[in-house]
Amino acid sequence: MTEKLGIYRCNVCGNIVMVLNTGQGELVCCGQPMEFLRAGSVDASEEKHVPIIEKVEGGFKVKVGSVPHPMEEKHYIQWIVLQADGKSYIQFLKPGEAPEAFFCVEAEKVTAREYCNLHGLWESSKVCEPYKS
């Protein structure tokens, strides 16, 4: 059975899918079952991978890591997803860009997930008070 909003990866071709509706079937790609990705399950530096969520004027800023994550051709953050109030927002990133994203969203509780091409999926959540300037 799949997990709603679960992230799955094909270990043959690299396809990544997010499940929108759960089902009893198994996700298969390239003739093999897809791997369910668990956030933070790869042995890697947390200070460079855990999303840092900051409530800012007009929404949320998500930075990857308390120490900025590398954004090189061979090692970079591919995307950041912000989940708030039953909605998902995604920002795709490329090598050379800053490992961060701004989401124009108002919410009390948000979850950010990001995917590092070498170290997999990472996640954090935050409960926020309204922004005060």
N, C-alpha and C. Protein backbone atom coordinates (compact mmCIF):
# COMPACT_ATOMS: atom_id res chain seq x y z
N MET A 1 0.84 -1.19 0.00
CA MET A 1 0.00 0.00 0.00
C MET A 1 0.88 1.25 0.00
N THR A 2 0.49 2.23 -0.76
CA THR A 2 1.25 3.48 -0.83
C THR A 2 0.82 4.43 0.28
N GLU A 3 1.62 5.46 0.48
CA GLU A 3 1.34 6.46 1.51
C GLU A 3 1.02 7.79 0.83
N LYS A 4 -0.08 8.44 1.25
CA LYS A 4 -0.46 9.73 0.67
C LYS A 4 0.67 10.74 0.88
N LEU A 5 1.05 11.42 -0.18
CA LEU A 5 2.15 12.39 -0.24
C LEU A 5 3.51 11.75 -0.02
N GLY A 6 3.55 10.41 -0.04
CA GLY A 6 4.82 9.70 0.06
C GLY A 6 5.64 9.93 -1.20
N ILE A 7 6.95 9.91 -1.03
CA ILE A 7 7.88 10.10 -2.14
C ILE A 7 8.54 8.74 -2.42
N TYR A 8 8.51 8.33 -3.69
CA TYR A 8 9.07 7.06 -4.11
C TYR A 8 10.07 7.30 -5.24
N ARG A 9 11.16 6.51 -5.26
CA ARG A 9 12.20 6.67 -6.27
C ARG A 9 12.49 5.33 -6.94
N CYS A 10 12.71 5.40 -8.25
CA CYS A 10 13.17 4.24 -9.01
C CYS A 10 14.69 4.20 -8.90
N ASN A 11 15.22 3.11 -8.40
CA ASN A 11 16.66 2.98 -8.23
C ASN A 11 17.38 2.59 -9.52
N VAL A 12 16.62 2.42 -10.62
CA VAL A 12 17.22 2.11 -11.91
C VAL A 12 17.39 3.39 -12.73
N CYS A 13 16.28 4.12 -12.94
CA CYS A 13 16.33 5.30 -13.82
C CYS A 13 16.30 6.63 -13.08
N GLY A 14 15.96 6.62 -11.79
CA GLY A 14 15.93 7.86 -11.02
C GLY A 14 14.59 8.59 -11.00
N ASN A 15 13.56 8.03 -11.65
CA ASN A 15 12.23 8.66 -11.57
C ASN A 15 11.83 8.83 -10.11
N ILE A 16 11.20 9.96 -9.80
CA ILE A 16 10.69 10.22 -8.45
C ILE A 16 9.21 10.60 -8.59
N VAL A 17 8.37 10.00 -7.74
CA VAL A 17 6.94 10.32 -7.76
C VAL A 17 6.45 10.65 -6.36
N MET A 18 5.44 11.51 -6.30
CA MET A 18 4.75 11.81 -5.04
C MET A 18 3.33 11.25 -5.21
N VAL A 19 2.89 10.47 -4.25
CA VAL A 19 1.58 9.83 -4.32
C VAL A 19 0.50 10.83 -3.92
N LEU A 20 -0.49 11.00 -4.79
CA LEU A 20 -1.60 11.89 -4.50
C LEU A 20 -2.80 11.15 -3.95
N ASN A 21 -3.01 9.91 -4.38
CA ASN A 21 -4.08 9.07 -3.87
C ASN A 21 -3.48 7.72 -3.51
N THR A 22 -3.80 7.22 -2.32
CA THR A 22 -3.25 5.93 -1.90
C THR A 22 -3.98 4.80 -2.60
N GLY A 23 -3.28 3.69 -2.71
CA GLY A 23 -3.87 2.51 -3.32
C GLY A 23 -3.21 1.27 -2.77
N GLN A 24 -3.79 0.14 -3.09
CA GLN A 24 -3.29 -1.15 -2.60
C GLN A 24 -2.10 -1.64 -3.40
N GLY A 25 -1.97 -1.17 -4.65
CA GLY A 25 -0.92 -1.67 -5.53
C GLY A 25 0.47 -1.22 -5.14
N GLU A 26 1.44 -1.84 -5.79
CA GLU A 26 2.85 -1.51 -5.58
C GLU A 26 3.30 -0.62 -6.73
N LEU A 27 4.06 0.43 -6.42
CA LEU A 27 4.60 1.28 -7.47
C LEU A 27 5.81 0.59 -8.08
N VAL A 28 5.79 0.46 -9.42
CA VAL A 28 6.85 -0.23 -10.12
C VAL A 28 7.35 0.66 -11.25
N CYS A 29 8.67 0.69 -11.44
CA CYS A 29 9.29 1.44 -12.53
C CYS A 29 10.46 0.60 -13.01
N CYS A 30 10.69 0.58 -14.30
CA CYS A 30 11.80 -0.20 -14.88
C CYS A 30 11.76 -1.66 -14.45
N GLY A 31 10.53 -2.17 -14.22
CA GLY A 31 10.34 -3.57 -13.85
C GLY A 31 10.67 -3.90 -12.41
N GLN A 32 10.94 -2.88 -11.58
CA GLN A 32 11.28 -3.13 -10.18
C GLN A 32 10.43 -2.25 -9.26
N PRO A 33 10.15 -2.73 -8.03
CA PRO A 33 9.41 -1.90 -7.08
C PRO A 33 10.18 -0.60 -6.80
N MET A 34 9.44 0.50 -6.68
CA MET A 34 10.06 1.78 -6.34
C MET A 34 10.33 1.82 -4.84
N GLU A 35 11.37 2.54 -4.47
CA GLU A 35 11.77 2.66 -3.07
C GLU A 35 11.02 3.81 -2.41
N PHE A 36 10.40 3.54 -1.26
CA PHE A 36 9.76 4.59 -0.46
C PHE A 36 10.87 5.34 0.26
N LEU A 37 10.91 6.66 0.08
CA LEU A 37 11.96 7.46 0.71
C LEU A 37 11.51 7.96 2.08
N ARG A 38 12.30 7.67 3.08
CA ARG A 38 12.05 8.15 4.43
C ARG A 38 12.96 9.35 4.68
N ALA A 39 12.37 10.43 5.16
CA ALA A 39 13.14 11.66 5.40
C ALA A 39 14.25 11.42 6.41
N GLY A 40 15.45 11.88 6.08
CA GLY A 40 16.57 11.80 7.01
C GLY A 40 17.10 10.41 7.26
N SER A 41 16.82 9.46 6.36
CA SER A 41 17.23 8.08 6.61
C SER A 41 18.62 7.76 6.05
N VAL A 42 19.22 8.70 5.32
CA VAL A 42 20.55 8.50 4.77
C VAL A 42 21.57 9.11 5.74
N ASP A 43 22.68 8.42 5.93
CA ASP A 43 23.72 8.94 6.81
C ASP A 43 24.41 10.10 6.12
N ALA A 44 24.07 11.30 6.54
CA ALA A 44 24.65 12.51 5.95
C ALA A 44 24.58 13.63 6.98
N SER A 45 25.24 14.71 6.69
CA SER A 45 25.31 15.85 7.58
C SER A 45 23.96 16.55 7.72
N GLU A 46 23.38 16.48 8.92
CA GLU A 46 22.08 17.13 9.15
C GLU A 46 22.16 18.64 8.98
N GLU A 47 23.29 19.24 9.41
CA GLU A 47 23.38 20.70 9.33
C GLU A 47 23.38 21.21 7.89
N LYS A 48 23.60 20.33 6.91
CA LYS A 48 23.55 20.74 5.51
C LYS A 48 22.29 20.26 4.80
N HIS A 49 21.42 19.53 5.48
CA HIS A 49 20.27 18.94 4.79
C HIS A 49 18.90 19.26 5.39
N VAL A 50 18.79 19.42 6.68
CA VAL A 50 17.48 19.66 7.28
C VAL A 50 16.97 21.03 6.86
N PRO A 51 15.75 21.09 6.31
CA PRO A 51 15.19 22.40 5.92
C PRO A 51 14.97 23.31 7.13
N ILE A 52 15.37 24.56 7.00
CA ILE A 52 15.15 25.57 8.03
C ILE A 52 14.00 26.46 7.54
N ILE A 53 12.90 26.46 8.28
CA ILE A 53 11.71 27.21 7.90
C ILE A 53 11.68 28.51 8.68
N GLU A 54 11.51 29.59 7.95
CA GLU A 54 11.45 30.91 8.59
C GLU A 54 10.18 31.63 8.13
N LYS A 55 9.38 32.08 9.08
CA LYS A 55 8.21 32.89 8.78
C LYS A 55 8.70 34.29 8.48
N VAL A 56 8.40 34.80 7.29
CA VAL A 56 8.82 36.14 6.88
C VAL A 56 7.60 36.90 6.36
N GLU A 57 7.77 38.18 6.17
CA GLU A 57 6.67 38.99 5.64
C GLU A 57 6.23 38.42 4.29
N GLY A 58 4.95 38.11 4.19
CA GLY A 58 4.39 37.60 2.95
C GLY A 58 4.44 36.10 2.76
N GLY A 59 5.02 35.36 3.71
CA GLY A 59 5.04 33.91 3.55
C GLY A 59 6.13 33.22 4.34
N PHE A 60 6.77 32.24 3.70
CA PHE A 60 7.80 31.44 4.34
C PHE A 60 9.03 31.34 3.46
N LYS A 61 10.18 31.40 4.10
CA LYS A 61 11.44 31.17 3.41
C LYS A 61 11.97 29.84 3.94
N VAL A 62 12.36 28.98 3.04
CA VAL A 62 12.93 27.69 3.42
C VAL A 62 14.36 27.65 2.89
N LYS A 63 15.30 27.50 3.82
CA LYS A 63 16.71 27.35 3.47
C LYS A 63 17.09 25.91 3.76
N VAL A 64 17.95 25.35 2.93
CA VAL A 64 18.38 23.98 3.16
C VAL A 64 19.66 24.00 3.97
N GLY A 65 19.51 23.61 5.22
CA GLY A 65 20.64 23.49 6.12
C GLY A 65 20.96 24.75 6.90
N SER A 66 21.43 24.56 8.12
CA SER A 66 21.91 25.69 8.92
C SER A 66 23.27 26.14 8.38
N VAL A 67 23.95 25.26 7.69
CA VAL A 67 25.15 25.55 6.89
C VAL A 67 24.69 25.36 5.46
N PRO A 68 24.82 26.37 4.58
CA PRO A 68 24.29 26.24 3.22
C PRO A 68 24.76 24.98 2.50
N HIS A 69 23.80 24.31 1.88
CA HIS A 69 24.07 23.09 1.14
C HIS A 69 24.80 23.40 -0.17
N PRO A 70 25.75 22.56 -0.60
CA PRO A 70 26.40 22.78 -1.89
C PRO A 70 25.37 22.74 -3.03
N MET A 71 25.63 23.51 -4.05
CA MET A 71 24.76 23.51 -5.23
C MET A 71 25.63 23.36 -6.48
N GLU A 72 26.31 22.21 -6.53
CA GLU A 72 27.22 21.88 -7.62
C GLU A 72 26.59 20.87 -8.56
N GLU A 73 27.10 20.73 -9.76
CA GLU A 73 26.56 19.80 -10.75
C GLU A 73 26.40 18.38 -10.19
N LYS A 74 27.36 17.93 -9.40
CA LYS A 74 27.34 16.56 -8.90
C LYS A 74 26.64 16.41 -7.54
N HIS A 75 26.32 17.53 -6.90
CA HIS A 75 25.72 17.48 -5.56
C HIS A 75 24.91 18.74 -5.33
N TYR A 76 23.58 18.59 -5.36
CA TYR A 76 22.72 19.76 -5.20
C TYR A 76 21.32 19.38 -4.73
N ILE A 77 20.58 20.38 -4.31
CA ILE A 77 19.18 20.21 -3.92
C ILE A 77 18.34 20.33 -5.18
N GLN A 78 17.55 19.31 -5.48
CA GLN A 78 16.75 19.30 -6.71
C GLN A 78 15.45 20.07 -6.54
N TRP A 79 14.83 19.96 -5.36
CA TRP A 79 13.56 20.65 -5.14
C TRP A 79 13.27 20.80 -3.65
N ILE A 80 12.41 21.79 -3.37
CA ILE A 80 11.89 22.02 -2.02
C ILE A 80 10.37 22.05 -2.13
N VAL A 81 9.69 21.34 -1.24
CA VAL A 81 8.23 21.34 -1.18
C VAL A 81 7.80 21.91 0.15
N LEU A 82 6.83 22.81 0.14
CA LEU A 82 6.22 23.32 1.36
C LEU A 82 4.79 22.82 1.38
N GLN A 83 4.40 22.19 2.48
CA GLN A 83 3.03 21.71 2.65
C GLN A 83 2.37 22.53 3.75
N ALA A 84 1.20 23.10 3.41
CA ALA A 84 0.48 23.96 4.35
C ALA A 84 -1.01 23.86 4.10
N ASP A 85 -1.77 23.59 5.14
CA ASP A 85 -3.23 23.57 5.05
C ASP A 85 -3.76 22.72 3.90
N GLY A 86 -3.20 21.53 3.74
CA GLY A 86 -3.68 20.61 2.72
C GLY A 86 -3.24 20.93 1.30
N LYS A 87 -2.31 21.86 1.15
CA LYS A 87 -1.80 22.22 -0.17
C LYS A 87 -0.29 22.01 -0.21
N SER A 88 0.21 21.69 -1.39
CA SER A 88 1.65 21.53 -1.58
C SER A 88 2.15 22.52 -2.60
N TYR A 89 3.28 23.13 -2.30
CA TYR A 89 3.92 24.11 -3.17
C TYR A 89 5.34 23.61 -3.42
N ILE A 90 5.80 23.70 -4.68
CA ILE A 90 7.12 23.17 -5.00
C ILE A 90 7.96 24.20 -5.74
N GLN A 91 9.25 24.19 -5.41
CA GLN A 91 10.22 25.03 -6.12
C GLN A 91 11.35 24.11 -6.58
N PHE A 92 11.57 24.04 -7.88
CA PHE A 92 12.68 23.27 -8.42
C PHE A 92 13.93 24.14 -8.42
N LEU A 93 15.07 23.52 -8.13
CA LEU A 93 16.34 24.23 -8.07
C LEU A 93 17.33 23.62 -9.05
N LYS A 94 18.36 24.41 -9.38
CA LYS A 94 19.41 23.96 -10.29
C LYS A 94 20.77 24.24 -9.66
N PRO A 95 21.80 23.50 -10.10
CA PRO A 95 23.15 23.81 -9.62
C PRO A 95 23.47 25.29 -9.86
N GLY A 96 24.15 25.89 -8.89
CA GLY A 96 24.53 27.29 -8.98
C GLY A 96 23.54 28.23 -8.31
N GLU A 97 22.30 27.78 -8.10
CA GLU A 97 21.31 28.61 -7.42
C GLU A 97 21.47 28.47 -5.91
N ALA A 98 20.88 29.40 -5.18
CA ALA A 98 20.90 29.31 -3.71
C ALA A 98 20.01 28.14 -3.28
N PRO A 99 20.41 27.39 -2.24
CA PRO A 99 19.60 26.28 -1.75
C PRO A 99 18.47 26.77 -0.84
N GLU A 100 17.55 27.54 -1.43
CA GLU A 100 16.45 28.11 -0.66
C GLU A 100 15.29 28.44 -1.59
N ALA A 101 14.12 28.67 -0.99
CA ALA A 101 12.93 29.03 -1.75
C ALA A 101 12.02 29.89 -0.88
N PHE A 102 11.27 30.78 -1.53
CA PHE A 102 10.26 31.60 -0.86
C PHE A 102 8.90 31.13 -1.33
N PHE A 103 7.99 30.97 -0.38
CA PHE A 103 6.62 30.55 -0.68
C PHE A 103 5.66 31.59 -0.13
N CYS A 104 4.86 32.19 -1.00
CA CYS A 104 3.88 33.21 -0.61
C CYS A 104 2.64 32.49 -0.10
N VAL A 105 2.69 32.09 1.17
CA VAL A 105 1.66 31.25 1.79
C VAL A 105 1.45 31.72 3.22
N GLU A 106 0.21 31.75 3.65
CA GLU A 106 -0.11 32.02 5.06
C GLU A 106 -0.63 30.74 5.69
N ALA A 107 -0.04 30.34 6.79
CA ALA A 107 -0.46 29.12 7.48
C ALA A 107 0.08 29.14 8.90
N GLU A 108 -0.54 28.35 9.77
CA GLU A 108 -0.07 28.26 11.15
C GLU A 108 0.94 27.14 11.32
N LYS A 109 0.80 26.07 10.53
CA LYS A 109 1.73 24.94 10.61
C LYS A 109 2.13 24.56 9.20
N VAL A 110 3.44 24.42 8.99
CA VAL A 110 3.95 24.04 7.68
C VAL A 110 4.98 22.93 7.83
N THR A 111 5.13 22.18 6.76
CA THR A 111 6.17 21.16 6.67
C THR A 111 6.94 21.40 5.40
N ALA A 112 8.25 21.37 5.50
CA ALA A 112 9.11 21.53 4.33
C ALA A 112 9.87 20.23 4.10
N ARG A 113 9.94 19.82 2.83
CA ARG A 113 10.72 18.65 2.45
C ARG A 113 11.63 19.06 1.30
N GLU A 114 12.82 18.51 1.29
CA GLU A 114 13.74 18.79 0.19
C GLU A 114 14.43 17.51 -0.21
N TYR A 115 14.90 17.51 -1.47
CA TYR A 115 15.55 16.32 -1.99
C TYR A 115 16.94 16.65 -2.50
N CYS A 116 17.94 16.03 -1.89
CA CYS A 116 19.34 16.14 -2.30
C CYS A 116 19.63 14.98 -3.25
N ASN A 117 20.24 15.28 -4.39
CA ASN A 117 20.46 14.22 -5.37
C ASN A 117 21.39 13.12 -4.86
N LEU A 118 22.20 13.39 -3.84
CA LEU A 118 23.07 12.35 -3.28
C LEU A 118 22.58 11.78 -1.95
N HIS A 119 21.93 12.60 -1.13
CA HIS A 119 21.59 12.20 0.23
C HIS A 119 20.10 12.09 0.50
N GLY A 120 19.27 12.14 -0.55
CA GLY A 120 17.86 11.84 -0.43
C GLY A 120 16.98 12.91 0.19
N LEU A 121 15.91 12.43 0.79
CA LEU A 121 14.83 13.26 1.30
C LEU A 121 15.08 13.70 2.75
N TRP A 122 14.76 14.99 3.03
CA TRP A 122 14.89 15.56 4.37
C TRP A 122 13.65 16.39 4.65
N GLU A 123 13.29 16.51 5.93
CA GLU A 123 12.02 17.15 6.28
C GLU A 123 12.11 17.84 7.63
N SER A 124 11.30 18.91 7.78
CA SER A 124 11.11 19.55 9.08
C SER A 124 9.75 20.24 9.08
N SER A 125 9.23 20.50 10.27
CA SER A 125 7.94 21.17 10.43
C SER A 125 8.08 22.33 11.39
N LYS A 126 7.12 23.26 11.28
CA LYS A 126 7.15 24.42 12.16
C LYS A 126 5.72 24.89 12.41
N VAL A 127 5.45 25.23 13.67
CA VAL A 127 4.19 25.87 14.04
C VAL A 127 4.55 27.34 14.22
N CYS A 128 3.77 28.22 13.59
CA CYS A 128 4.14 29.64 13.54
C CYS A 128 3.08 30.53 14.15
N GLU A 129 3.57 31.62 14.68
CA GLU A 129 2.68 32.71 15.08
C GLU A 129 2.60 33.66 13.89
N PRO A 130 1.58 34.49 13.82
CA PRO A 130 1.49 35.44 12.71
C PRO A 130 2.75 36.30 12.65
N TYR A 131 3.10 36.71 11.43
CA TYR A 131 4.29 37.53 11.21
C TYR A 131 4.12 38.90 11.88
N LYS A 132 5.20 39.31 12.55
CA LYS A 132 5.21 40.63 13.19
C LYS A 132 6.38 41.42 12.63
N SER A 133 6.12 42.58 12.05
CA SER A 133 7.21 43.36 11.48
C SER A 133 7.85 44.27 12.50
